[in-house]
């Protein structure tokens, strides 16, 4: 489902952002 992909992308971006922040 497109929604599932969107959620995974958002989680991926947030995780990457958190990694860069740390």
N, C-alpha and C. Protein backbone atom coordinates (compact mmCIF):
# COMPACT_ATOMS: atom_id res chain seq x y z
N UNK A 1 0.85 -1.21 0.00
CA UNK A 1 0.00 0.00 0.00
C UNK A 1 0.88 1.25 0.00
N UNK A 2 0.39 2.29 -0.67
CA UNK A 2 1.15 3.54 -0.74
C UNK A 2 1.34 4.12 0.67
N UNK A 3 0.30 4.02 1.49
CA UNK A 3 0.39 4.57 2.85
C UNK A 3 1.52 3.90 3.62
N UNK A 4 1.63 2.58 3.48
CA UNK A 4 2.68 1.84 4.18
C UNK A 4 4.05 2.32 3.74
N UNK A 5 4.21 2.56 2.44
CA UNK A 5 5.50 3.04 1.92
C UNK A 5 5.79 4.43 2.48
N UNK A 6 4.78 5.28 2.50
CA UNK A 6 4.96 6.64 3.02
C UNK A 6 5.41 6.60 4.47
N UNK A 7 4.78 5.74 5.26
CA UNK A 7 5.15 5.62 6.68
C UNK A 7 6.60 5.18 6.80
N UNK A 8 7.00 4.19 6.01
CA UNK A 8 8.38 3.70 6.08
C UNK A 8 9.36 4.80 5.68
N UNK A 9 9.01 5.58 4.66
CA UNK A 9 9.88 6.67 4.22
C UNK A 9 10.01 7.72 5.32
N UNK A 10 8.90 8.06 5.94
CA UNK A 10 8.92 9.07 7.02
C UNK A 10 9.79 8.58 8.17
N UNK A 11 9.60 7.33 8.56
CA UNK A 11 10.40 6.76 9.66
C UNK A 11 11.88 6.77 9.29
N UNK A 12 12.17 6.43 8.02
CA UNK A 12 13.57 6.41 7.56
C UNK A 12 14.18 7.81 7.64
N UNK A 13 13.45 8.80 7.17
CA UNK A 13 13.95 10.18 7.18
C UNK A 13 14.16 10.66 8.62
N UNK A 14 13.20 10.37 9.48
CA UNK A 14 13.30 10.79 10.89
C UNK A 14 14.51 10.12 11.54
N UNK A 15 14.71 8.85 11.25
CA UNK A 15 15.85 8.12 11.83
C UNK A 15 17.16 8.72 11.34
N UNK A 16 17.23 9.02 10.05
CA UNK A 16 18.45 9.62 9.50
C UNK A 16 18.69 10.99 10.13
N UNK A 17 17.64 11.78 10.27
CA UNK A 17 17.76 13.11 10.86
C UNK A 17 18.25 12.99 12.29
N UNK A 18 17.73 12.01 13.02
CA UNK A 18 18.14 11.80 14.41
C UNK A 18 19.61 11.41 14.45
N UNK A 19 20.04 10.58 13.50
CA UNK A 19 21.44 10.16 13.45
C UNK A 19 22.34 11.38 13.20
N UNK A 20 21.94 12.24 12.27
CA UNK A 20 22.74 13.41 11.95
C UNK A 20 22.76 14.37 13.14
N UNK A 21 21.65 14.47 13.84
CA UNK A 21 21.57 15.37 14.99
C UNK A 21 22.53 14.90 16.08
N UNK A 22 22.61 13.59 16.26
CA UNK A 22 23.51 13.05 17.29
C UNK A 22 24.94 13.08 16.75
